[in-house]
Amino acid sequence: MSDIPEVGSSQDREEAQEYIDKIAQARGYVLPYHKLMANADLPVLKAANNLVAAAYTDQRHLSRATKELIFVNSLTALRAPKGQIASHIRVALDLGVSPIEILEAIEIVLPEAGIVAFQHGFEVWAEIVGAEAIEPTVSVHDTAE
């Protein structure tokens, strides 16, 4: 038996569902923790989302596209889960940001966070945009996992 609380009444569940839908509409994605927190502790999810709204989803001075590039950059530097980086790359593409502009935002990570952090975000970018590799024609060791 789990000690994790669940939304009790059907009214609570309806409120949680409406809130998840609100997050999805505002951001264009929903993270796994959003879904779980809506069921486990909706007031804390709302509090966290209010901070995110003030800094990210509410329109202020920076464009949404610029904010997405900043998110892609910072999440890459932090080596965030690939799905989280991917969600911001997809939203940026939906907003009309070009794949090369997104790559440039990821490349800014190189001098500050290094090659390992860059590679993490680059792999996500390459998968999302369908980047094509050029294979060597000489004998090399395979570095794939």
N, C-alpha and C. Protein backbone atom coordinates (compact mmCIF):
# COMPACT_ATOMS: atom_id res chain seq x y z
N MET A 1 0.85 -1.18 0.00
CA MET A 1 0.00 0.00 0.00
C MET A 1 0.89 1.24 0.00
N SER A 2 0.52 2.21 -0.81
CA SER A 2 1.31 3.41 -0.97
C SER A 2 0.88 4.49 0.02
N ASP A 3 1.86 5.26 0.48
CA ASP A 3 1.56 6.40 1.34
C ASP A 3 1.29 7.66 0.53
N ILE A 4 1.36 7.55 -0.80
CA ILE A 4 1.15 8.72 -1.65
C ILE A 4 -0.34 8.98 -1.74
N PRO A 5 -0.74 10.22 -1.42
CA PRO A 5 -2.17 10.54 -1.48
C PRO A 5 -2.66 10.58 -2.91
N GLU A 6 -3.91 10.28 -3.10
CA GLU A 6 -4.54 10.40 -4.40
C GLU A 6 -5.64 11.43 -4.29
N VAL A 7 -5.95 12.03 -5.42
CA VAL A 7 -7.05 12.98 -5.45
C VAL A 7 -8.30 12.22 -5.02
N GLY A 8 -8.97 12.76 -4.01
CA GLY A 8 -10.08 12.04 -3.39
C GLY A 8 -11.38 12.03 -4.18
N SER A 9 -12.10 13.11 -4.18
CA SER A 9 -13.41 13.14 -4.79
C SER A 9 -13.31 13.29 -6.30
N SER A 10 -14.42 13.04 -6.97
CA SER A 10 -14.45 13.23 -8.41
C SER A 10 -14.27 14.71 -8.74
N GLN A 11 -14.70 15.60 -7.84
CA GLN A 11 -14.51 17.03 -8.04
C GLN A 11 -13.02 17.35 -7.97
N ASP A 12 -12.27 16.75 -7.02
CA ASP A 12 -10.83 16.95 -6.93
C ASP A 12 -10.13 16.43 -8.18
N ARG A 13 -10.55 15.27 -8.65
CA ARG A 13 -9.95 14.68 -9.85
C ARG A 13 -10.23 15.56 -11.06
N GLU A 14 -11.43 16.10 -11.13
CA GLU A 14 -11.78 16.99 -12.24
C GLU A 14 -10.93 18.26 -12.20
N GLU A 15 -10.73 18.81 -11.00
CA GLU A 15 -9.89 20.00 -10.86
C GLU A 15 -8.45 19.69 -11.28
N ALA A 16 -7.94 18.54 -10.88
CA ALA A 16 -6.58 18.14 -11.24
C ALA A 16 -6.46 17.98 -12.75
N GLN A 17 -7.46 17.36 -13.38
CA GLN A 17 -7.45 17.17 -14.83
C GLN A 17 -7.47 18.51 -15.55
N GLU A 18 -8.31 19.42 -15.09
CA GLU A 18 -8.39 20.75 -15.70
C GLU A 18 -7.06 21.48 -15.57
N TYR A 19 -6.39 21.30 -14.44
CA TYR A 19 -5.12 21.98 -14.23
C TYR A 19 -4.03 21.42 -15.15
N ILE A 20 -3.99 20.11 -15.30
CA ILE A 20 -3.03 19.49 -16.22
C ILE A 20 -3.27 19.99 -17.64
N ASP A 21 -4.53 20.07 -18.02
CA ASP A 21 -4.87 20.57 -19.36
C ASP A 21 -4.43 22.03 -19.52
N LYS A 22 -4.57 22.81 -18.47
CA LYS A 22 -4.15 24.22 -18.50
C LYS A 22 -2.64 24.32 -18.70
N ILE A 23 -1.88 23.48 -17.99
CA ILE A 23 -0.43 23.46 -18.15
C ILE A 23 -0.07 23.07 -19.59
N ALA A 24 -0.73 22.05 -20.11
CA ALA A 24 -0.45 21.58 -21.46
C ALA A 24 -0.72 22.67 -22.50
N GLN A 25 -1.80 23.38 -22.33
CA GLN A 25 -2.13 24.44 -23.28
C GLN A 25 -1.14 25.60 -23.20
N ALA A 26 -0.72 25.96 -22.01
CA ALA A 26 0.20 27.09 -21.84
C ALA A 26 1.61 26.76 -22.33
N ARG A 27 2.05 25.52 -22.12
CA ARG A 27 3.44 25.17 -22.42
C ARG A 27 3.60 24.44 -23.75
N GLY A 28 2.59 23.67 -24.13
CA GLY A 28 2.73 22.84 -25.32
C GLY A 28 3.29 21.47 -24.99
N TYR A 29 3.47 21.16 -23.74
CA TYR A 29 3.96 19.86 -23.27
C TYR A 29 3.59 19.73 -21.80
N VAL A 30 3.67 18.50 -21.30
CA VAL A 30 3.48 18.22 -19.87
C VAL A 30 4.56 17.23 -19.47
N LEU A 31 5.27 17.52 -18.39
CA LEU A 31 6.32 16.64 -17.91
C LEU A 31 5.72 15.55 -17.02
N PRO A 32 6.42 14.43 -16.89
CA PRO A 32 5.89 13.35 -16.04
C PRO A 32 5.59 13.80 -14.61
N TYR A 33 6.44 14.68 -14.05
CA TYR A 33 6.19 15.10 -12.67
C TYR A 33 4.92 15.93 -12.57
N HIS A 34 4.56 16.66 -13.62
CA HIS A 34 3.30 17.42 -13.60
C HIS A 34 2.12 16.46 -13.41
N LYS A 35 2.12 15.39 -14.16
CA LYS A 35 1.01 14.42 -14.12
C LYS A 35 0.91 13.77 -12.74
N LEU A 36 2.06 13.42 -12.19
CA LEU A 36 2.06 12.76 -10.88
C LEU A 36 1.68 13.73 -9.76
N MET A 37 2.23 14.95 -9.82
CA MET A 37 1.93 15.94 -8.77
C MET A 37 0.46 16.36 -8.80
N ALA A 38 -0.15 16.39 -9.97
CA ALA A 38 -1.57 16.75 -10.04
C ALA A 38 -2.40 15.81 -9.21
N ASN A 39 -1.99 14.56 -9.16
CA ASN A 39 -2.71 13.55 -8.39
C ASN A 39 -2.24 13.48 -6.94
N ALA A 40 -0.96 13.79 -6.71
CA ALA A 40 -0.40 13.62 -5.36
C ALA A 40 -0.49 14.88 -4.50
N ASP A 41 -0.25 16.06 -5.09
CA ASP A 41 -0.24 17.29 -4.29
C ASP A 41 -0.49 18.49 -5.20
N LEU A 42 -1.74 18.67 -5.58
CA LEU A 42 -2.13 19.72 -6.51
C LEU A 42 -1.75 21.12 -6.03
N PRO A 43 -1.90 21.46 -4.74
CA PRO A 43 -1.51 22.82 -4.31
C PRO A 43 -0.03 23.14 -4.55
N VAL A 44 0.85 22.18 -4.35
CA VAL A 44 2.27 22.43 -4.59
C VAL A 44 2.53 22.54 -6.09
N LEU A 45 1.88 21.72 -6.90
CA LEU A 45 2.01 21.84 -8.35
C LEU A 45 1.57 23.23 -8.81
N LYS A 46 0.47 23.72 -8.26
CA LYS A 46 -0.01 25.05 -8.63
C LYS A 46 1.00 26.12 -8.23
N ALA A 47 1.57 26.00 -7.05
CA ALA A 47 2.56 26.97 -6.58
C ALA A 47 3.79 26.97 -7.50
N ALA A 48 4.28 25.79 -7.84
CA ALA A 48 5.44 25.67 -8.72
C ALA A 48 5.10 26.23 -10.10
N ASN A 49 3.92 25.93 -10.59
CA ASN A 49 3.54 26.40 -11.91
C ASN A 49 3.37 27.92 -11.95
N ASN A 50 2.95 28.53 -10.84
CA ASN A 50 2.84 29.98 -10.79
C ASN A 50 4.21 30.64 -10.99
N LEU A 51 5.24 30.07 -10.39
CA LEU A 51 6.60 30.58 -10.59
C LEU A 51 7.01 30.43 -12.06
N VAL A 52 6.74 29.27 -12.62
CA VAL A 52 7.08 29.03 -14.03
C VAL A 52 6.32 30.00 -14.93
N ALA A 53 5.06 30.25 -14.62
CA ALA A 53 4.27 31.18 -15.42
C ALA A 53 4.88 32.58 -15.40
N ALA A 54 5.28 33.03 -14.22
CA ALA A 54 5.86 34.37 -14.11
C ALA A 54 7.17 34.49 -14.88
N ALA A 55 7.98 33.44 -14.84
CA ALA A 55 9.29 33.49 -15.47
C ALA A 55 9.29 33.03 -16.93
N TYR A 56 8.29 32.26 -17.35
CA TYR A 56 8.38 31.57 -18.64
C TYR A 56 7.14 31.74 -19.51
N THR A 57 6.01 31.27 -19.09
CA THR A 57 4.86 31.21 -20.01
C THR A 57 4.10 32.52 -20.14
N ASP A 58 4.11 33.36 -19.11
CA ASP A 58 3.44 34.66 -19.23
C ASP A 58 4.24 35.54 -20.19
N GLN A 59 3.54 36.22 -21.09
CA GLN A 59 4.23 37.10 -22.04
C GLN A 59 4.69 38.36 -21.32
N ARG A 60 5.98 38.60 -21.37
CA ARG A 60 6.56 39.81 -20.78
C ARG A 60 7.41 40.49 -21.84
N HIS A 61 8.72 40.52 -21.70
CA HIS A 61 9.56 41.23 -22.65
C HIS A 61 10.21 40.31 -23.69
N LEU A 62 10.63 39.13 -23.28
CA LEU A 62 11.23 38.19 -24.21
C LEU A 62 10.15 37.44 -24.97
N SER A 63 10.42 37.14 -26.22
CA SER A 63 9.47 36.34 -27.00
C SER A 63 9.48 34.91 -26.50
N ARG A 64 8.43 34.20 -26.80
CA ARG A 64 8.35 32.79 -26.41
C ARG A 64 9.46 32.00 -27.09
N ALA A 65 9.77 32.33 -28.34
CA ALA A 65 10.84 31.62 -29.06
C ALA A 65 12.18 31.82 -28.36
N THR A 66 12.46 33.05 -27.94
CA THR A 66 13.71 33.33 -27.22
C THR A 66 13.76 32.54 -25.92
N LYS A 67 12.65 32.49 -25.21
CA LYS A 67 12.61 31.73 -23.96
C LYS A 67 12.87 30.25 -24.21
N GLU A 68 12.35 29.72 -25.31
CA GLU A 68 12.58 28.30 -25.62
C GLU A 68 14.07 28.04 -25.88
N LEU A 69 14.72 28.96 -26.60
CA LEU A 69 16.15 28.80 -26.85
C LEU A 69 16.95 28.85 -25.54
N ILE A 70 16.55 29.74 -24.65
CA ILE A 70 17.21 29.81 -23.35
C ILE A 70 17.01 28.52 -22.58
N PHE A 71 15.79 27.98 -22.62
CA PHE A 71 15.52 26.71 -21.94
C PHE A 71 16.35 25.58 -22.54
N VAL A 72 16.41 25.50 -23.85
CA VAL A 72 17.20 24.44 -24.50
C VAL A 72 18.65 24.56 -24.04
N ASN A 73 19.17 25.77 -24.02
CA ASN A 73 20.55 26.00 -23.60
C ASN A 73 20.77 25.61 -22.14
N SER A 74 19.93 26.11 -21.25
CA SER A 74 20.16 25.85 -19.82
C SER A 74 19.92 24.39 -19.47
N LEU A 75 18.93 23.78 -20.06
CA LEU A 75 18.68 22.36 -19.78
C LEU A 75 19.80 21.49 -20.32
N THR A 76 20.38 21.88 -21.46
CA THR A 76 21.54 21.16 -21.98
C THR A 76 22.72 21.29 -21.02
N ALA A 77 22.98 22.51 -20.55
CA ALA A 77 24.10 22.72 -19.63
C ALA A 77 23.92 21.91 -18.35
N LEU A 78 22.68 21.79 -17.91
CA LEU A 78 22.39 21.02 -16.69
C LEU A 78 22.28 19.52 -16.93
N ARG A 79 22.35 19.12 -18.19
CA ARG A 79 22.18 17.71 -18.59
C ARG A 79 20.85 17.16 -18.07
N ALA A 80 19.82 17.93 -18.32
CA ALA A 80 18.47 17.55 -17.93
C ALA A 80 18.06 16.29 -18.70
N PRO A 81 17.01 15.61 -18.24
CA PRO A 81 16.54 14.44 -18.97
C PRO A 81 16.27 14.78 -20.44
N LYS A 82 16.61 13.85 -21.31
CA LYS A 82 16.48 14.10 -22.75
C LYS A 82 15.06 14.49 -23.15
N GLY A 83 14.07 13.88 -22.52
CA GLY A 83 12.68 14.21 -22.84
C GLY A 83 12.34 15.66 -22.54
N GLN A 84 12.94 16.20 -21.50
CA GLN A 84 12.69 17.60 -21.14
C GLN A 84 13.32 18.54 -22.16
N ILE A 85 14.54 18.24 -22.58
CA ILE A 85 15.18 19.05 -23.62
C ILE A 85 14.39 18.93 -24.92
N ALA A 86 13.99 17.72 -25.25
CA ALA A 86 13.25 17.48 -26.49
C ALA A 86 11.95 18.28 -26.52
N SER A 87 11.26 18.36 -25.40
CA SER A 87 9.99 19.09 -25.39
C SER A 87 10.20 20.55 -25.74
N HIS A 88 11.29 21.16 -25.26
CA HIS A 88 11.55 22.56 -25.57
C HIS A 88 12.05 22.74 -27.00
N ILE A 89 12.79 21.78 -27.53
CA ILE A 89 13.18 21.83 -28.93
C ILE A 89 11.94 21.77 -29.82
N ARG A 90 11.02 20.87 -29.50
CA ARG A 90 9.79 20.74 -30.31
C ARG A 90 8.95 22.02 -30.26
N VAL A 91 8.82 22.61 -29.07
CA VAL A 91 8.05 23.85 -28.97
C VAL A 91 8.74 24.95 -29.77
N ALA A 92 10.06 25.04 -29.69
CA ALA A 92 10.79 26.05 -30.47
C ALA A 92 10.54 25.86 -31.96
N LEU A 93 10.60 24.63 -32.43
CA LEU A 93 10.32 24.36 -33.84
C LEU A 93 8.90 24.77 -34.19
N ASP A 94 7.95 24.45 -33.31
CA ASP A 94 6.55 24.84 -33.54
C ASP A 94 6.40 26.36 -33.64
N LEU A 95 7.26 27.09 -32.94
CA LEU A 95 7.21 28.56 -32.94
C LEU A 95 7.96 29.17 -34.12
N GLY A 96 8.52 28.33 -34.98
CA GLY A 96 9.20 28.82 -36.17
C GLY A 96 10.69 28.99 -36.03
N VAL A 97 11.26 28.57 -34.91
CA VAL A 97 12.72 28.63 -34.74
C VAL A 97 13.31 27.55 -35.65
N SER A 98 14.35 27.88 -36.37
CA SER A 98 14.95 26.92 -37.29
C SER A 98 15.83 25.92 -36.54
N PRO A 99 16.01 24.74 -37.11
CA PRO A 99 16.92 23.78 -36.47
C PRO A 99 18.32 24.32 -36.23
N ILE A 100 18.84 25.12 -37.17
CA ILE A 100 20.19 25.65 -37.00
C ILE A 100 20.24 26.69 -35.88
N GLU A 101 19.18 27.45 -35.68
CA GLU A 101 19.13 28.40 -34.57
C GLU A 101 19.13 27.66 -33.24
N ILE A 102 18.41 26.56 -33.18
CA ILE A 102 18.38 25.74 -31.96
C ILE A 102 19.77 25.15 -31.70
N LEU A 103 20.41 24.66 -32.77
CA LEU A 103 21.76 24.13 -32.62
C LEU A 103 22.71 25.20 -32.10
N GLU A 104 22.58 26.41 -32.60
CA GLU A 104 23.45 27.49 -32.14
C GLU A 104 23.26 27.76 -30.65
N ALA A 105 22.02 27.67 -30.18
CA ALA A 105 21.76 27.84 -28.74
C ALA A 105 22.43 26.72 -27.94
N ILE A 106 22.41 25.52 -28.48
CA ILE A 106 23.06 24.39 -27.80
C ILE A 106 24.58 24.56 -27.83
N GLU A 107 25.11 25.07 -28.92
CA GLU A 107 26.56 25.25 -29.05
C GLU A 107 27.10 26.27 -28.04
N ILE A 108 26.29 27.19 -27.61
CA ILE A 108 26.73 28.18 -26.61
C ILE A 108 27.13 27.48 -25.30
N VAL A 109 26.65 26.28 -25.08
CA VAL A 109 26.99 25.50 -23.88
C VAL A 109 28.48 25.13 -23.87
N LEU A 110 29.06 24.97 -25.04
CA LEU A 110 30.44 24.47 -25.14
C LEU A 110 31.45 25.22 -24.25
N PRO A 111 31.58 26.54 -24.34
CA PRO A 111 32.62 27.19 -23.53
C PRO A 111 32.33 27.19 -22.03
N GLU A 112 31.08 27.14 -21.64
CA GLU A 112 30.74 27.25 -20.22
C GLU A 112 30.57 25.90 -19.53
N ALA A 113 29.96 24.93 -20.22
CA ALA A 113 29.66 23.65 -19.56
C ALA A 113 30.45 22.48 -20.14
N GLY A 114 31.07 22.68 -21.29
CA GLY A 114 31.94 21.65 -21.84
C GLY A 114 31.29 20.73 -22.86
N ILE A 115 32.15 19.89 -23.42
CA ILE A 115 31.76 19.01 -24.52
C ILE A 115 30.74 17.95 -24.09
N VAL A 116 30.86 17.43 -22.87
CA VAL A 116 29.94 16.37 -22.44
C VAL A 116 28.52 16.91 -22.35
N ALA A 117 28.36 18.08 -21.77
CA ALA A 117 27.03 18.69 -21.69
C ALA A 117 26.52 19.01 -23.09
N PHE A 118 27.39 19.57 -23.94
CA PHE A 118 27.01 19.88 -25.32
C PHE A 118 26.52 18.62 -26.03
N GLN A 119 27.28 17.53 -25.94
CA GLN A 119 26.92 16.29 -26.62
C GLN A 119 25.55 15.79 -26.17
N HIS A 120 25.25 15.97 -24.91
CA HIS A 120 23.96 15.53 -24.37
C HIS A 120 22.82 16.24 -25.12
N GLY A 121 22.88 17.56 -25.19
CA GLY A 121 21.84 18.31 -25.89
C GLY A 121 21.88 18.10 -27.38
N PHE A 122 23.08 18.00 -27.94
CA PHE A 122 23.23 17.79 -29.38
C PHE A 122 22.57 16.49 -29.81
N GLU A 123 22.73 15.43 -29.04
CA GLU A 123 22.12 14.14 -29.38
C GLU A 123 20.59 14.25 -29.44
N VAL A 124 20.03 15.00 -28.51
CA VAL A 124 18.58 15.21 -28.51
C VAL A 124 18.18 15.99 -29.76
N TRP A 125 18.90 17.07 -30.02
CA TRP A 125 18.62 17.90 -31.20
C TRP A 125 18.69 17.06 -32.48
N ALA A 126 19.76 16.29 -32.63
CA ALA A 126 19.96 15.49 -33.84
C ALA A 126 18.81 14.51 -34.05
N GLU A 127 18.35 13.91 -32.96
CA GLU A 127 17.24 12.97 -33.07
C GLU A 127 15.95 13.68 -33.48
N ILE A 128 15.68 14.83 -32.87
CA ILE A 128 14.44 15.56 -33.14
C ILE A 128 14.39 16.08 -34.58
N VAL A 129 15.50 16.65 -35.05
CA VAL A 129 15.50 17.26 -36.38
C VAL A 129 15.90 16.29 -37.49
N GLY A 130 16.29 15.07 -37.12
CA GLY A 130 16.68 14.09 -38.14
C GLY A 130 17.99 14.41 -38.82
N ALA A 131 18.96 14.90 -38.04
CA ALA A 131 20.27 15.24 -38.60
C ALA A 131 20.92 14.00 -39.20
N GLU A 132 21.63 14.19 -40.30
CA GLU A 132 22.30 13.08 -40.97
C GLU A 132 23.80 13.14 -40.70
N ALA A 133 24.38 12.00 -40.42
CA ALA A 133 25.81 11.91 -40.14
C ALA A 133 26.59 11.63 -41.41
N ILE A 134 27.85 12.02 -41.40
CA ILE A 134 28.78 11.64 -42.46
C ILE A 134 29.71 10.61 -41.84
N GLU A 135 29.69 9.42 -42.37
CA GLU A 135 30.50 8.32 -41.83
C GLU A 135 31.90 8.34 -42.43
N PRO A 136 32.91 7.99 -41.64
CA PRO A 136 34.26 7.93 -42.18
C PRO A 136 34.40 6.77 -43.17
N THR A 137 35.28 6.95 -44.13
CA THR A 137 35.52 5.89 -45.11
C THR A 137 36.77 5.09 -44.77
N VAL A 138 37.39 5.43 -43.65
CA VAL A 138 38.57 4.70 -43.19
C VAL A 138 38.18 3.87 -41.97
N SER A 139 39.01 2.93 -41.62
CA SER A 139 38.73 2.05 -40.49
C SER A 139 38.86 2.80 -39.18
N VAL A 140 37.83 2.71 -38.31
CA VAL A 140 37.83 3.34 -37.00
C VAL A 140 37.17 2.41 -36.00
N HIS A 141 37.41 2.68 -34.71
CA HIS A 141 36.70 1.94 -33.67
C HIS A 141 35.31 2.51 -33.52
N ASP A 142 34.35 1.65 -33.30
CA ASP A 142 32.97 2.09 -33.11
C ASP A 142 32.82 2.62 -31.70
N THR A 143 32.37 3.87 -31.57
CA THR A 143 32.21 4.48 -30.25
C THR A 143 30.78 4.47 -29.78
N ALA A 144 29.90 3.82 -30.52
CA ALA A 144 28.49 3.75 -30.08
C ALA A 144 28.43 2.95 -28.79
N GLU A 145 27.44 3.27 -28.00
CA GLU A 145 27.27 2.61 -26.70
C GLU A 145 27.48 1.15 -26.85
